[in-house]
C-alpha cells in the first residue's frame, strides 16, 4: 500500500467535488458497490435527512481487504454503475481511495480530514456492515476519528444494535443507530440472480 499524500488528497477531493466543502456536513459511504443498488441510495437519503447532511460521498473501494477479488467487477464498471444510480444533486460518486492509494478506511479518513479540516465528516454504514466492523483494520481508531451513523438494514438491525462492538462505541464515541424503513436491495442477491454482468 502506498502512503497517502495529504496534498494530493486536497487537490483530488476538490477536483472530484467541483466545490469547496468547508463548513459543510458530509456523509461518507464506503464500499465495494459491486454493484451499487437502491439500498445504497436509501441509506444515503435517510442519513441526509436525519443528520442534516449537505453532501453524501460514495467512496467506491478499489478492493475491500475483507472481500475476495473473485466476482469483483472492475473499478471503472462499479463507478459507472454507481453514478448512473446516484442521480441526486447532493450525492457524489468518487474513486478517492484509488487516487490516494489508501487501502484501509482509517488512512482514507485521515487523508480526507487533512484535506478538508473545516468539513464535518460522518462515516455511514448499513447495519449489515456494522456487524463486521470489529474486523476492520484499527476499527477503534476509525470510531475515534469520525462520528459513525449506522442505518438499519434487513436482517441485521437488531444484532448490530446489540453487538458488543456497538455497545462499546455508544459509550465511548459519537455513534448513532438510525431506525428507518428497511430497504431489501442487496448486492449479493443481485449477483446471485445474474443481474450484474460486470462481475468477473
C-alpha atoms as a PDB file:
ATOM      1  CA  UNK A   1       0.000   0.000   0.000  1.00  0.00           C
ATOM      2  CA  UNK A   2       1.330   3.408  -0.920  1.00  0.00           C
ATOM      3  CA  UNK A   3       1.434   6.030   1.777  1.00  0.00           C
ATOM      4  CA  UNK A   4      -1.351   8.579   1.281  1.00  0.00           C
ATOM      5  CA  UNK A   5      -0.336  12.088   0.247  1.00  0.00           C
ATOM      6  CA  UNK A   6      -2.370  14.834   2.012  1.00  0.00           C
ATOM      7  CA  UNK A   7      -1.515  17.409  -0.677  1.00  0.00           C
ATOM      8  CA  UNK A   8      -2.706  15.033  -3.371  1.00  0.00           C
ATOM      9  CA  UNK A   9      -5.807  14.326  -1.299  1.00  0.00           C
ATOM     10  CA  UNK A  10      -6.676  18.013  -1.149  1.00  0.00           C
ATOM     11  CA  UNK A  11      -6.290  18.534  -4.898  1.00  0.00           C
ATOM     12  CA  UNK A  12      -8.126  15.342  -5.798  1.00  0.00           C
ATOM     13  CA  UNK A  13     -11.044  15.950  -3.460  1.00  0.00           C
ATOM     14  CA  UNK A  14     -11.522  19.489  -4.776  1.00  0.00           C
ATOM     15  CA  UNK A  15     -11.393  18.267  -8.380  1.00  0.00           C
ATOM     16  CA  UNK A  16     -13.896  15.493  -7.737  1.00  0.00           C
ATOM     17  CA  UNK A  17     -16.359  17.654  -5.842  1.00  0.00           C
ATOM     18  CA  UNK A  18     -16.060  20.724  -8.011  1.00  0.00           C
ATOM     19  CA  UNK A  19     -16.756  22.772  -4.907  1.00  0.00           C
ATOM     20  CA  UNK A  20     -15.341  23.836  -1.579  1.00  0.00           C
ATOM     21  CA  UNK A  21     -16.568  21.534   1.206  1.00  0.00           C
ATOM     22  CA  UNK A  22     -15.510  23.893   4.002  1.00  0.00           C
ATOM     23  CA  UNK A  23     -18.243  24.306   6.582  1.00  0.00           C
ATOM     24  CA  UNK A  24     -20.384  21.503   5.138  1.00  0.00           C
ATOM     25  CA  UNK A  25     -21.676  18.349   6.831  1.00  0.00           C
ATOM     26  CA  UNK A  26     -20.588  15.451   4.633  1.00  0.00           C
ATOM     27  CA  UNK A  27     -21.504  11.787   4.942  1.00  0.00           C
ATOM     28  CA  UNK A  28     -19.036   9.185   3.682  1.00  0.00           C
ATOM     29  CA  UNK A  29     -20.443   5.878   2.454  1.00  0.00           C
ATOM     30  CA  UNK A  30     -17.677   3.440   1.633  1.00  0.00           C
ATOM     31  CA  UNK A  31     -17.987   0.064  -0.023  1.00  0.00           C
ATOM     32  CA  UNK A  32     -17.329  -2.146  -2.995  1.00  0.00           C
ATOM     33  CA  UNK A  33     -20.588  -1.126  -4.701  1.00  0.00           C
ATOM     34  CA  UNK A  34     -20.492  -4.434  -6.562  1.00  0.00           C
ATOM     35  CA  UNK A  35     -22.956  -3.290  -7.784  1.00  0.00           C
ATOM     36  CA  UNK A  36     -24.448  -0.087  -6.397  1.00  0.00           C
ATOM     37  CA  UNK A  37     -28.142  -0.602  -5.666  1.00  0.00           C
ATOM     38  CA  UNK A  38     -31.223   1.140  -4.301  1.00  0.00           C
ATOM     39  CA  UNK A  39     -30.230   0.165  -0.758  1.00  0.00           C
ATOM     40  CA  UNK A  40     -27.133   2.380  -1.027  1.00  0.00           C
ATOM     41  CA  UNK A  41     -29.303   5.230  -2.252  1.00  0.00           C
ATOM     42  CA  UNK A  42     -31.811   4.616   0.557  1.00  0.00           C
ATOM     43  CA  UNK A  43     -29.080   4.728   3.221  1.00  0.00           C
ATOM     44  CA  UNK A  44     -27.738   7.950   1.741  1.00  0.00           C
ATOM     45  CA  UNK A  45     -31.095   9.694   1.666  1.00  0.00           C
ATOM     46  CA  UNK A  46     -32.019   8.587   5.193  1.00  0.00           C
ATOM     47  CA  UNK A  47     -28.683   9.812   6.539  1.00  0.00           C
ATOM     48  CA  UNK A  48     -29.006  13.051   4.594  1.00  0.00           C
ATOM     49  CA  UNK A  49     -32.339  13.767   6.246  1.00  0.00           C
ATOM     50  CA  UNK A  50     -31.652  12.558   9.779  1.00  0.00           C
ATOM     51  CA  UNK A  51     -28.143  14.021  10.080  1.00  0.00           C
ATOM     52  CA  UNK A  52     -28.890  17.162   8.048  1.00  0.00           C
ATOM     53  CA  UNK A  53     -26.045  16.420   5.654  1.00  0.00           C
ATOM     54  CA  UNK A  54     -25.116  18.809   2.875  1.00  0.00           C
ATOM     55  CA  UNK A  55     -23.467  16.075   0.799  1.00  0.00           C
ATOM     56  CA  UNK A  56     -23.010  12.300   0.754  1.00  0.00           C
ATOM     57  CA  UNK A  57     -19.861  10.973  -0.909  1.00  0.00           C
ATOM     58  CA  UNK A  58     -19.757   7.377  -2.098  1.00  0.00           C
ATOM     59  CA  UNK A  59     -16.236   6.044  -1.717  1.00  0.00           C
ATOM     60  CA  UNK A  60     -16.031   3.165  -4.190  1.00  0.00           C
ATOM     61  CA  UNK A  61     -13.230   0.927  -2.938  1.00  0.00           C
ATOM     62  CA  UNK A  62     -10.682  -0.461  -5.432  1.00  0.00           C
ATOM     63  CA  UNK A  63     -10.654  -3.684  -3.389  1.00  0.00           C
ATOM     64  CA  UNK A  64     -12.132  -4.273   0.045  1.00  0.00           C
ATOM     65  CA  UNK A  65      -9.451  -6.082   2.121  1.00  0.00           C
ATOM     66  CA  UNK A  66     -12.170  -8.279   3.657  1.00  0.00           C
ATOM     67  CA  UNK A  67     -13.630  -9.414   0.324  1.00  0.00           C
ATOM     68  CA  UNK A  68     -12.329 -11.791  -2.317  1.00  0.00           C
ATOM     69  CA  UNK A  69     -11.227 -10.428  -5.679  1.00  0.00           C
ATOM     70  CA  UNK A  70     -13.143 -13.226  -7.377  1.00  0.00           C
ATOM     71  CA  UNK A  71     -16.506 -11.892  -8.526  1.00  0.00           C
ATOM     72  CA  UNK A  72     -15.422  -8.272  -8.073  1.00  0.00           C
ATOM     73  CA  UNK A  73     -16.203  -6.132 -11.104  1.00  0.00           C
ATOM     74  CA  UNK A  74     -13.520  -3.718 -12.369  1.00  0.00           C
ATOM     75  CA  UNK A  75     -13.449  -0.406 -10.516  1.00  0.00           C
ATOM     76  CA  UNK A  76     -14.416   1.574 -13.619  1.00  0.00           C
ATOM     77  CA  UNK A  77     -17.559  -0.536 -14.101  1.00  0.00           C
ATOM     78  CA  UNK A  78     -18.569  -0.109 -10.465  1.00  0.00           C
ATOM     79  CA  UNK A  79     -18.000   3.641 -10.589  1.00  0.00           C
ATOM     80  CA  UNK A  80     -20.028   3.958 -13.789  1.00  0.00           C
ATOM     81  CA  UNK A  81     -22.958   1.947 -12.414  1.00  0.00           C
ATOM     82  CA  UNK A  82     -22.915   3.908  -9.158  1.00  0.00           C
ATOM     83  CA  UNK A  83     -23.020   7.233 -10.983  1.00  0.00           C
ATOM     84  CA  UNK A  84     -25.964   6.111 -13.095  1.00  0.00           C
ATOM     85  CA  UNK A  85     -27.861   5.157  -9.937  1.00  0.00           C
ATOM     86  CA  UNK A  86     -26.924   8.096  -7.715  1.00  0.00           C
ATOM     87  CA  UNK A  87     -28.639  10.820  -9.697  1.00  0.00           C
ATOM     88  CA  UNK A  88     -29.075  13.218  -6.791  1.00  0.00           C
ATOM     89  CA  UNK A  89     -27.708  16.757  -6.543  1.00  0.00           C
ATOM     90  CA  UNK A  90     -26.177  16.096  -3.132  1.00  0.00           C
ATOM     91  CA  UNK A  91     -24.582  12.686  -3.807  1.00  0.00           C
ATOM     92  CA  UNK A  92     -21.103  12.372  -5.311  1.00  0.00           C
ATOM     93  CA  UNK A  93     -19.558   9.099  -6.519  1.00  0.00           C
ATOM     94  CA  UNK A  94     -15.770   9.007  -6.225  1.00  0.00           C
ATOM     95  CA  UNK A  95     -12.678   6.825  -6.531  1.00  0.00           C
ATOM     96  CA  UNK A  96     -10.802   8.800  -3.871  1.00  0.00           C
ATOM     97  CA  UNK A  97      -9.156   5.711  -2.384  1.00  0.00           C
ATOM     98  CA  UNK A  98      -7.750   4.652  -5.745  1.00  0.00           C
ATOM     99  CA  UNK A  99      -6.305   8.127  -6.253  1.00  0.00           C
ATOM    100  CA  UNK A 100      -4.838   8.293  -2.750  1.00  0.00           C
ATOM    101  CA  UNK A 101      -3.501   4.766  -2.787  1.00  0.00           C
ATOM    102  CA  UNK A 102      -5.204   4.028   0.527  1.00  0.00           C
ATOM    103  CA  UNK A 103      -6.444   0.549   1.305  1.00  0.00           C
ATOM    104  CA  UNK A 104      -7.822   0.966   4.792  1.00  0.00           C
ATOM    105  CA  UNK A 105     -10.646   3.232   5.941  1.00  0.00           C
ATOM    106  CA  UNK A 106      -8.622   4.807   8.735  1.00  0.00           C
ATOM    107  CA  UNK A 107      -5.999   6.035   6.247  1.00  0.00           C
ATOM    108  CA  UNK A 108      -8.676   7.390   3.911  1.00  0.00           C
ATOM    109  CA  UNK A 109     -10.437   9.231   6.720  1.00  0.00           C
ATOM    110  CA  UNK A 110      -7.245  10.847   7.957  1.00  0.00           C
ATOM    111  CA  UNK A 111      -6.300  11.964   4.455  1.00  0.00           C
ATOM    112  CA  UNK A 112      -9.750  13.456   3.879  1.00  0.00           C
ATOM    113  CA  UNK A 113      -9.779  15.231   7.237  1.00  0.00           C
ATOM    114  CA  UNK A 114      -6.359  16.678   6.439  1.00  0.00           C
ATOM    115  CA  UNK A 115      -7.565  17.811   3.021  1.00  0.00           C
ATOM    116  CA  UNK A 116     -10.740  19.432   4.362  1.00  0.00           C
ATOM    117  CA  UNK A 117     -10.185  20.381   8.027  1.00  0.00           C
ATOM    118  CA  UNK A 118     -13.228  22.683   8.097  1.00  0.00           C
ATOM    119  CA  UNK A 119     -15.579  19.934   6.888  1.00  0.00           C
ATOM    120  CA  UNK A 120     -17.641  17.875   9.331  1.00  0.00           C
ATOM    121  CA  UNK A 121     -17.369  14.275   8.117  1.00  0.00           C
ATOM    122  CA  UNK A 122     -19.641  11.417   9.215  1.00  0.00           C
ATOM    123  CA  UNK A 123     -18.991   7.758   8.422  1.00  0.00           C
ATOM    124  CA  UNK A 124     -22.148   5.987   7.211  1.00  0.00           C
ATOM    125  CA  UNK A 125     -22.742   2.254   7.130  1.00  0.00           C
ATOM    126  CA  UNK A 126     -25.604  -0.193   6.929  1.00  0.00           C
ATOM    127  CA  UNK A 127     -26.238  -2.393   9.955  1.00  0.00           C
ATOM    128  CA  UNK A 128     -25.125  -5.426   7.928  1.00  0.00           C
ATOM    129  CA  UNK A 129     -21.648  -3.898   7.571  1.00  0.00           C
ATOM    130  CA  UNK A 130     -21.673  -2.775  11.196  1.00  0.00           C
ATOM    131  CA  UNK A 131     -21.698  -6.405  12.317  1.00  0.00           C
ATOM    132  CA  UNK A 132     -18.326  -6.901  10.600  1.00  0.00           C
ATOM    133  CA  UNK A 133     -16.910  -3.599  11.852  1.00  0.00           C
ATOM    134  CA  UNK A 134     -14.657  -5.170  14.534  1.00  0.00           C
ATOM    135  CA  UNK A 135     -12.822  -6.983  11.711  1.00  0.00           C
ATOM    136  CA  UNK A 136     -11.837  -3.677  10.091  1.00  0.00           C
ATOM    137  CA  UNK A 137      -8.229  -2.572  10.428  1.00  0.00           C
ATOM    138  CA  UNK A 138      -7.948  -0.289  13.503  1.00  0.00           C
ATOM    139  CA  UNK A 139     -11.708  -0.023  13.868  1.00  0.00           C
ATOM    140  CA  UNK A 140     -11.463   1.715  17.233  1.00  0.00           C
ATOM    141  CA  UNK A 141      -9.293   4.422  15.644  1.00  0.00           C
ATOM    142  CA  UNK A 142     -11.925   4.877  12.932  1.00  0.00           C
ATOM    143  CA  UNK A 143     -14.566   5.477  15.602  1.00  0.00           C
ATOM    144  CA  UNK A 144     -12.293   7.955  17.380  1.00  0.00           C
ATOM    145  CA  UNK A 145     -11.547   9.780  14.121  1.00  0.00           C
ATOM    146  CA  UNK A 146     -15.060  10.348  12.771  1.00  0.00           C
ATOM    147  CA  UNK A 147     -18.649  10.134  14.096  1.00  0.00           C
ATOM    148  CA  UNK A 148     -20.395   6.981  12.881  1.00  0.00           C
ATOM    149  CA  UNK A 149     -24.024   6.561  11.847  1.00  0.00           C
ATOM    150  CA  UNK A 150     -25.416   3.060  11.321  1.00  0.00           C
ATOM    151  CA  UNK A 151     -28.592   2.807   9.258  1.00  0.00           C
ATOM    152  CA  UNK A 152     -30.870  -0.199   9.732  1.00  0.00           C
ATOM    153  CA  UNK A 153     -30.747  -2.898   7.038  1.00  0.00           C
ATOM    154  CA  UNK A 154     -32.946  -6.030   6.758  1.00  0.00           C
ATOM    155  CA  UNK A 155     -31.923  -8.977   8.916  1.00  0.00           C
ATOM    156  CA  UNK A 156     -29.173  -7.220  10.832  1.00  0.00           C
ATOM    157  CA  UNK A 157     -30.696  -4.218  12.551  1.00  0.00           C
ATOM    158  CA  UNK A 158     -31.227  -5.845  15.966  1.00  0.00           C
ATOM    159  CA  UNK A 159     -27.979  -7.825  16.025  1.00  0.00           C
ATOM    160  CA  UNK A 160     -25.969  -4.753  15.021  1.00  0.00           C
ATOM    161  CA  UNK A 161     -27.527  -2.593  17.720  1.00  0.00           C
ATOM    162  CA  UNK A 162     -26.935  -5.204  20.443  1.00  0.00           C
ATOM    163  CA  UNK A 163     -23.458  -6.280  19.354  1.00  0.00           C
ATOM    164  CA  UNK A 164     -20.612  -5.847  21.889  1.00  0.00           C
ATOM    165  CA  UNK A 165     -18.800  -3.536  19.454  1.00  0.00           C
ATOM    166  CA  UNK A 166     -21.837  -1.250  19.145  1.00  0.00           C
ATOM    167  CA  UNK A 167     -22.216  -1.082  22.912  1.00  0.00           C
ATOM    168  CA  UNK A 168     -18.576  -0.068  23.276  1.00  0.00           C
ATOM    169  CA  UNK A 169     -18.894   2.588  20.582  1.00  0.00           C
ATOM    170  CA  UNK A 170     -22.055   4.059  22.098  1.00  0.00           C
ATOM    171  CA  UNK A 171     -20.286   4.522  25.426  1.00  0.00           C
ATOM    172  CA  UNK A 172     -17.026   5.946  24.121  1.00  0.00           C
ATOM    173  CA  UNK A 173     -17.557   7.687  20.766  1.00  0.00           C
ATOM    174  CA  UNK A 174     -20.009   9.765  18.690  1.00  0.00           C
ATOM    175  CA  UNK A 175     -22.130   6.876  17.416  1.00  0.00           C
ATOM    176  CA  UNK A 176     -25.779   6.736  16.409  1.00  0.00           C
ATOM    177  CA  UNK A 177     -28.057   3.962  15.169  1.00  0.00           C
ATOM    178  CA  UNK A 178     -30.737   5.246  12.778  1.00  0.00           C
ATOM    179  CA  UNK A 179     -34.002   3.340  12.561  1.00  0.00           C
ATOM    180  CA  UNK A 180     -35.648   3.663   9.163  1.00  0.00           C
ATOM    181  CA  UNK A 181     -37.896   1.838   6.763  1.00  0.00           C
ATOM    182  CA  UNK A 182     -35.907  -1.210   5.655  1.00  0.00           C
ATOM    183  CA  UNK A 183     -34.881  -1.499   2.017  1.00  0.00           C
ATOM    184  CA  UNK A 184     -34.457  -5.081   0.729  1.00  0.00           C
ATOM    185  CA  UNK A 185     -31.920  -4.424  -2.059  1.00  0.00           C
ATOM    186  CA  UNK A 186     -28.724  -6.462  -1.772  1.00  0.00           C
ATOM    187  CA  UNK A 187     -25.618  -6.633  -3.960  1.00  0.00           C
ATOM    188  CA  UNK A 188     -25.245 -10.323  -3.080  1.00  0.00           C
ATOM    189  CA  UNK A 189     -28.782 -11.061  -4.284  1.00  0.00           C
ATOM    190  CA  UNK A 190     -28.278  -9.034  -7.463  1.00  0.00           C
ATOM    191  CA  UNK A 191     -25.125 -11.004  -8.320  1.00  0.00           C
ATOM    192  CA  UNK A 192     -26.814 -14.314  -7.448  1.00  0.00           C
ATOM    193  CA  UNK A 193     -29.592 -13.573  -9.940  1.00  0.00           C
ATOM    194  CA  UNK A 194     -27.059 -12.844 -12.657  1.00  0.00           C
ATOM    195  CA  UNK A 195     -28.129  -9.216 -12.901  1.00  0.00           C
ATOM    196  CA  UNK A 196     -24.608  -7.812 -12.610  1.00  0.00           C
ATOM    197  CA  UNK A 197     -22.792  -8.893 -15.776  1.00  0.00           C
ATOM    198  CA  UNK A 198     -19.730  -6.751 -14.996  1.00  0.00           C
ATOM    199  CA  UNK A 199     -18.657  -9.101 -12.185  1.00  0.00           C
ATOM    200  CA  UNK A 200     -15.653 -11.211 -13.101  1.00  0.00           C
END
